[in-house]
Amino acid sequence: MHKSTLRSSLLLLTAAAVWGFAFVAQRMGMEHVGPFTFNAIRFFLGGLSLVPLIFIFPEKPSRYEKQLSARNLALWGTFAGVVLFAGASLQQMGMVDTTAGNGGFITGLYVIFVPLLGLFFRQPARPVVWLAATMAVTGMYLLTMHNALTFTAGDTLVLVSALFFALHVIVIGQLTGRFNALKLSMVQFFSCAVFSGILAFIFESFIWMDIFSARLPILYGGIISVGVGYTFQVLGQKTARPAPAAIILSMEAVFAMLGGMLILNETVDRLSLSGALLMFSGMVLAQWPSRRLNHSYKNQNSNRVN
């Protein structure tokens, strides 16, 4: 495997692992605070955690980035934050009226939505990627669904959220070659925090004692899940095409299963293990010889200036 491909795959897989274990933190945090309050605080902490890193690890701007102003960074970073906020909010709203299995499976459909949306951005996926995405979705079904799939109003909201998550992967893929990764991540985190905070103020109560009770899940969700996870996504997508990247990121479902086993003492049956293995196989298949394609993708990435 090409060095840059291996590096991006490891970054994306780490992000998936961080997000997978974050499901445990979110379940624990929801016992004390509402979803919008939880998201507002964790995304604010995630953005705050990047501020010192921007000064400690300054990234030399490329000749393309020099042509872009701080206003461009604020505009596009905010746009990425709005897309992320829409996906996270719709998912939380939908989960009120659906099962965890339905919600997990429907959210995972973004693995298919990413290559579909990619067609509109002139980023057609290779046939092997379509096969890998199908394997990932099938594996996710085996991993999360133990009963018949029924469709409710909540499932519709989760389905729309999956479209926004897919769009977020596409947007990040378009922006990574244009802006400093840490600065882009910071702007999108703070934007997501602001919009989540507005909804929290409207629909939820803000009690300091409840927030203090959820401090450990919030700290993990903010510094690790947001600060590390989403930043690794931005860094990983610098040299990875959106469709294969989405397949790797979908492995968060597998890590969520592992987190449930290790931390919450949840049991896992053979069907779920088969699903996890199928998803892993799809992830590996998506990385099949792609040196030439990744090289051309990097060239496309660096030419996206306007």
Protein backbone atom coordinates (compact mmCIF):
# COMPACT_ATOMS: atom_id res chain seq x y z
CA MET A 1 0.00 0.00 0.00
CA HIS A 2 1.24 3.45 -0.90
CA LYS A 3 2.58 5.39 2.09
CA SER A 4 0.07 8.25 1.78
CA THR A 5 -2.80 5.77 1.37
CA LEU A 6 -1.72 3.88 4.47
CA ARG A 7 -1.40 7.10 6.47
CA SER A 8 -4.86 8.37 5.47
CA SER A 9 -6.43 4.95 6.13
CA LEU A 10 -4.93 4.81 9.64
CA LEU A 11 -6.10 8.36 10.40
CA LEU A 12 -9.64 7.58 9.24
CA LEU A 13 -9.69 4.25 11.08
CA THR A 14 -8.58 6.01 14.26
CA ALA A 15 -11.40 8.53 13.81
CA ALA A 16 -13.86 5.64 13.41
CA ALA A 17 -12.52 4.03 16.61
CA VAL A 18 -12.84 7.28 18.54
CA TRP A 19 -16.42 7.80 17.30
CA GLY A 20 -17.36 4.20 17.98
CA PHE A 21 -16.35 4.39 21.63
CA ALA A 22 -18.03 7.81 21.81
CA PHE A 23 -21.41 6.05 21.50
CA VAL A 24 -20.79 4.76 25.02
CA ALA A 25 -19.97 8.27 26.24
CA GLN A 26 -23.07 9.68 24.55
CA ARG A 27 -25.32 7.07 26.14
CA MET A 28 -23.87 7.91 29.55
CA GLY A 29 -24.06 11.67 28.95
CA MET A 30 -27.69 11.55 27.82
CA GLU A 31 -28.62 10.36 31.31
CA HIS A 32 -27.92 13.86 32.61
CA VAL A 33 -28.27 16.43 29.79
CA GLY A 34 -30.23 16.86 26.58
CA PRO A 35 -28.73 16.07 23.15
CA PHE A 36 -28.39 19.70 22.03
CA THR A 37 -26.73 20.72 25.30
CA PHE A 38 -24.38 17.75 25.03
CA ASN A 39 -23.49 18.62 21.42
CA ALA A 40 -23.07 22.34 22.14
CA ILE A 41 -20.59 21.76 24.97
CA ARG A 42 -18.63 18.95 23.33
CA PHE A 43 -18.20 20.78 20.02
CA PHE A 44 -17.15 23.92 21.88
CA LEU A 45 -14.56 21.90 23.83
CA GLY A 46 -13.43 20.27 20.59
CA GLY A 47 -12.82 23.65 18.96
CA LEU A 48 -11.15 25.01 22.07
CA SER A 49 -8.77 22.04 22.23
CA LEU A 50 -7.41 22.92 18.77
CA VAL A 51 -6.55 26.55 19.54
CA PRO A 52 -3.15 25.83 21.16
CA LEU A 53 -2.33 23.19 18.52
CA ILE A 54 -2.70 25.77 15.75
CA PHE A 55 0.13 27.78 17.32
CA ILE A 56 2.25 24.77 18.37
CA PHE A 57 2.06 23.06 14.97
CA PRO A 58 1.82 25.84 12.38
CA GLU A 59 1.21 24.43 8.93
CA LYS A 60 2.99 26.15 6.07
CA PRO A 61 0.29 27.38 3.68
CA SER A 62 0.36 26.05 0.15
CA ARG A 63 0.43 28.43 -2.80
CA TYR A 64 -3.29 27.71 -3.26
CA GLU A 65 -4.11 28.50 0.36
CA LYS A 66 -2.29 31.83 0.08
CA GLN A 67 -4.85 32.89 -2.52
CA LEU A 68 -7.66 32.37 0.01
CA SER A 69 -8.53 34.87 2.71
CA ALA A 70 -9.55 34.34 6.32
CA ARG A 71 -13.06 35.20 5.16
CA ASN A 72 -13.05 32.15 2.89
CA LEU A 73 -11.95 29.96 5.82
CA ALA A 74 -14.72 31.37 8.03
CA LEU A 75 -17.33 30.97 5.29
CA TRP A 76 -16.50 27.41 4.26
CA GLY A 77 -15.68 26.26 7.79
CA THR A 78 -19.07 27.54 8.94
CA PHE A 79 -20.75 25.77 6.03
CA ALA A 80 -19.08 22.48 7.03
CA GLY A 81 -20.20 23.12 10.62
CA VAL A 82 -23.80 23.71 9.53
CA VAL A 83 -23.83 20.44 7.56
CA LEU A 84 -22.36 18.59 10.54
CA PHE A 85 -24.87 20.25 12.90
CA ALA A 86 -27.79 19.28 10.64
CA GLY A 87 -26.70 15.65 10.53
CA ALA A 88 -26.10 15.37 14.28
CA SER A 89 -29.33 17.20 15.21
CA LEU A 90 -31.61 15.26 12.87
CA GLN A 91 -30.10 12.02 14.06
CA GLN A 92 -30.73 12.93 17.73
CA MET A 93 -34.32 13.99 16.96
CA GLY A 94 -34.99 10.82 15.01
CA MET A 95 -33.61 8.54 17.69
CA VAL A 96 -36.52 9.56 19.94
CA ASP A 97 -38.92 7.64 17.67
CA THR A 98 -36.87 4.68 16.51
CA THR A 99 -34.86 1.77 17.84
CA ALA A 100 -31.10 1.81 18.29
CA GLY A 101 -30.78 -0.90 15.64
CA ASN A 102 -32.82 1.00 13.07
CA GLY A 103 -31.01 4.24 13.86
CA GLY A 104 -27.57 2.69 13.57
CA PHE A 105 -28.32 0.91 10.32
CA ILE A 106 -30.07 3.86 8.63
CA THR A 107 -27.29 6.26 9.66
CA GLY A 108 -24.78 3.85 8.13
CA LEU A 109 -26.46 4.21 4.74
CA TYR A 110 -24.27 7.27 4.22
CA VAL A 111 -21.72 4.70 2.99
CA ILE A 112 -23.90 4.37 -0.13
CA PHE A 113 -24.97 8.02 -0.24
CA VAL A 114 -21.37 9.27 -0.46
CA PRO A 115 -20.58 7.68 -3.86
CA LEU A 116 -24.05 8.68 -5.09
CA LEU A 117 -23.47 12.32 -4.13
CA GLY A 118 -19.95 12.05 -5.53
CA LEU A 119 -21.46 11.70 -9.00
CA PHE A 120 -22.72 15.29 -8.72
CA PHE A 121 -19.18 16.45 -7.84
CA ARG A 122 -17.60 14.57 -10.76
CA GLN A 123 -16.04 12.03 -8.42
CA PRO A 124 -17.33 8.68 -9.73
CA ALA A 125 -16.44 5.69 -7.57
CA ARG A 126 -14.70 2.61 -8.94
CA PRO A 127 -16.81 -0.60 -9.25
CA VAL A 128 -14.76 -2.19 -6.45
CA VAL A 129 -15.76 0.68 -4.15
CA TRP A 130 -19.45 0.11 -4.89
CA LEU A 131 -18.94 -3.56 -4.03
CA ALA A 132 -17.10 -2.63 -0.83
CA ALA A 133 -19.88 -0.18 0.14
CA THR A 134 -22.50 -2.87 -0.40
CA MET A 135 -20.51 -5.24 1.80
CA ALA A 136 -20.24 -2.56 4.49
CA VAL A 137 -24.00 -1.86 4.46
CA THR A 138 -24.81 -5.59 4.57
CA GLY A 139 -22.37 -6.06 7.44
CA MET A 140 -23.90 -3.10 9.27
CA TYR A 141 -27.34 -4.66 8.89
CA LEU A 142 -26.11 -7.92 10.45
CA LEU A 143 -24.33 -5.95 13.17
CA THR A 144 -27.21 -3.71 14.22
CA MET A 145 -30.50 -5.30 13.16
CA HIS A 146 -31.83 -8.22 15.17
CA ASN A 147 -35.50 -7.68 14.38
CA ALA A 148 -37.46 -6.75 11.27
CA LEU A 149 -36.76 -3.27 9.92
CA THR A 150 -39.87 -1.12 10.38
CA PHE A 151 -40.01 2.48 9.17
CA THR A 152 -41.27 5.28 11.43
CA ALA A 153 -41.24 9.09 11.36
CA GLY A 154 -38.06 8.95 13.43
CA ASP A 155 -36.45 6.70 10.84
CA THR A 156 -37.21 9.32 8.19
CA LEU A 157 -35.34 11.95 10.21
CA VAL A 158 -32.39 9.58 10.68
CA LEU A 159 -32.40 8.86 6.93
CA VAL A 160 -32.19 12.59 6.18
CA SER A 161 -29.39 12.90 8.74
CA ALA A 162 -27.48 10.18 6.86
CA LEU A 163 -27.69 12.34 3.74
CA PHE A 164 -26.17 15.25 5.67
CA PHE A 165 -23.40 13.03 7.05
CA ALA A 166 -22.66 11.90 3.50
CA LEU A 167 -22.64 15.52 2.35
CA HIS A 168 -20.25 16.35 5.19
CA VAL A 169 -17.78 13.72 3.94
CA ILE A 170 -18.04 15.22 0.43
CA VAL A 171 -17.62 18.79 1.71
CA ILE A 172 -14.55 17.89 3.79
CA GLY A 173 -13.11 16.14 0.75
CA GLN A 174 -13.56 19.36 -1.24
CA LEU A 175 -12.01 21.60 1.43
CA THR A 176 -9.01 19.65 2.72
CA GLY A 177 -6.75 20.75 -0.13
CA ARG A 178 -7.69 24.40 0.32
CA PHE A 179 -7.33 25.19 4.03
CA ASN A 180 -5.20 24.43 7.06
CA ALA A 181 -6.70 21.27 8.57
CA LEU A 182 -6.61 22.46 12.19
CA LYS A 183 -8.10 25.87 11.39
CA LEU A 184 -10.84 24.34 9.24
CA SER A 185 -11.70 21.88 12.00
CA MET A 186 -11.77 24.61 14.64
CA VAL A 187 -14.16 26.81 12.65
CA GLN A 188 -16.58 23.97 11.90
CA PHE A 189 -16.57 22.86 15.56
CA PHE A 190 -17.34 26.32 16.92
CA SER A 191 -20.06 26.78 14.27
CA CYS A 192 -21.68 23.48 15.21
CA ALA A 193 -21.46 24.45 18.91
CA VAL A 194 -23.21 27.78 18.30
CA PHE A 195 -26.14 26.28 16.40
CA SER A 196 -26.48 23.42 18.91
CA GLY A 197 -26.41 25.96 21.73
CA ILE A 198 -29.25 27.93 20.16
CA LEU A 199 -31.47 24.84 20.02
CA ALA A 200 -30.42 23.84 23.54
CA PHE A 201 -31.47 27.28 24.79
CA ILE A 202 -34.86 26.97 23.05
CA PHE A 203 -35.77 23.35 23.80
CA GLU A 204 -33.74 22.24 26.83
CA SER A 205 -33.03 23.34 30.39
CA PHE A 206 -29.48 24.38 31.29
CA ILE A 207 -28.58 23.08 34.78
CA TRP A 208 -24.94 23.28 35.88
CA MET A 209 -25.26 20.33 38.27
CA ASP A 210 -26.48 18.08 35.44
CA ILE A 211 -23.59 19.19 33.25
CA PHE A 212 -21.14 18.51 36.07
CA SER A 213 -22.62 15.03 36.49
CA ALA A 214 -21.98 14.37 32.78
CA ARG A 215 -18.47 15.88 32.86
CA LEU A 216 -16.55 12.71 31.94
CA PRO A 217 -18.70 11.77 28.89
CA ILE A 218 -18.68 15.43 27.81
CA LEU A 219 -14.88 15.67 28.11
CA TYR A 220 -14.42 12.50 26.06
CA GLY A 221 -17.04 13.60 23.54
CA GLY A 222 -15.49 17.05 23.22
CA ILE A 223 -11.72 16.61 23.35
CA ILE A 224 -11.41 13.06 22.00
CA SER A 225 -14.46 12.44 19.80
CA VAL A 226 -14.67 15.95 18.32
CA GLY A 227 -11.17 17.40 18.76
CA VAL A 228 -9.31 14.25 17.72
CA GLY A 229 -11.88 12.29 15.71
CA TYR A 230 -13.16 14.95 13.32
CA THR A 231 -9.70 16.50 12.94
CA PHE A 232 -8.31 13.09 11.96
CA GLN A 233 -11.14 12.87 9.44
CA VAL A 234 -10.04 16.16 7.86
CA LEU A 235 -6.38 15.07 7.83
CA GLY A 236 -7.22 11.60 6.50
CA GLN A 237 -9.34 12.92 3.66
CA LYS A 238 -6.46 14.99 2.32
CA THR A 239 -5.30 12.02 0.24
CA ALA A 240 -8.37 9.75 0.34
CA ARG A 241 -11.30 9.85 -2.02
CA PRO A 242 -14.66 10.43 -0.26
CA ALA A 243 -16.26 7.04 -1.07
CA PRO A 244 -13.44 4.81 0.33
CA ALA A 245 -13.10 7.24 3.25
CA ALA A 246 -16.79 6.77 4.10
CA ILE A 247 -16.35 2.99 4.14
CA ILE A 248 -13.46 3.24 6.60
CA LEU A 249 -15.37 5.73 8.77
CA SER A 250 -18.36 3.36 8.86
CA MET A 251 -16.20 1.04 10.97
CA GLU A 252 -17.32 3.17 13.92
CA ALA A 253 -20.23 0.71 14.20
CA VAL A 254 -17.75 -2.11 14.85
CA PHE A 255 -15.88 -0.08 17.46
CA ALA A 256 -19.21 0.86 19.06
CA MET A 257 -19.89 -2.85 19.43
CA LEU A 258 -16.46 -3.36 21.00
CA GLY A 259 -17.07 -0.44 23.36
CA GLY A 260 -20.37 -1.93 24.45
CA MET A 261 -18.66 -5.25 25.13
CA LEU A 262 -15.68 -3.84 27.03
CA ILE A 263 -17.32 -1.00 28.97
CA LEU A 264 -21.04 -1.78 29.22
CA ASN A 265 -20.66 -5.58 29.37
CA GLU A 266 -22.99 -6.05 26.40
CA THR A 267 -23.13 -9.47 24.76
CA VAL A 268 -22.53 -10.02 21.03
CA ASP A 269 -23.93 -12.91 18.98
CA ARG A 270 -22.46 -14.67 15.97
CA LEU A 271 -24.59 -12.68 13.56
CA SER A 272 -23.11 -9.42 14.83
CA LEU A 273 -19.59 -10.81 14.62
CA SER A 274 -20.26 -11.91 11.02
CA GLY A 275 -21.44 -8.39 10.24
CA ALA A 276 -18.31 -6.88 11.78
CA LEU A 277 -16.12 -9.20 9.70
CA LEU A 278 -18.01 -8.32 6.52
CA MET A 279 -17.60 -4.60 7.20
CA PHE A 280 -13.88 -5.04 7.80
CA SER A 281 -13.59 -6.99 4.53
CA GLY A 282 -15.36 -4.17 2.70
CA MET A 283 -12.96 -1.63 4.20
CA VAL A 284 -9.95 -3.63 3.03
CA LEU A 285 -11.46 -4.13 -0.43
CA ALA A 286 -12.06 -0.39 -0.81
CA GLN A 287 -8.29 0.18 -0.47
CA TRP A 288 -7.42 -2.23 -3.30
CA PRO A 289 -4.64 -0.89 -5.60
CA SER A 290 -5.32 2.83 -5.70
CA ARG A 291 -1.90 4.49 -5.94
CA ARG A 292 -2.56 5.97 -9.35
CA LEU A 293 -6.08 7.07 -8.42
CA ASN A 294 -4.93 8.63 -5.15
CA HIS A 295 -2.18 10.51 -7.00
CA SER A 296 -4.71 11.93 -9.46
CA TYR A 297 -7.07 12.74 -6.58
CA LYS A 298 -4.34 14.76 -4.85
CA ASN A 299 -3.85 16.71 -8.06
CA GLN A 300 -7.61 17.36 -8.26
CA ASN A 301 -7.59 18.36 -4.60
CA SER A 302 -4.87 20.97 -5.07
CA ASN A 303 -6.65 22.50 -8.07
CA ARG A 304 -9.86 23.27 -6.15
CA VAL A 305 -9.24 26.92 -5.35
CA ASN A 306 -12.47 28.84 -5.93
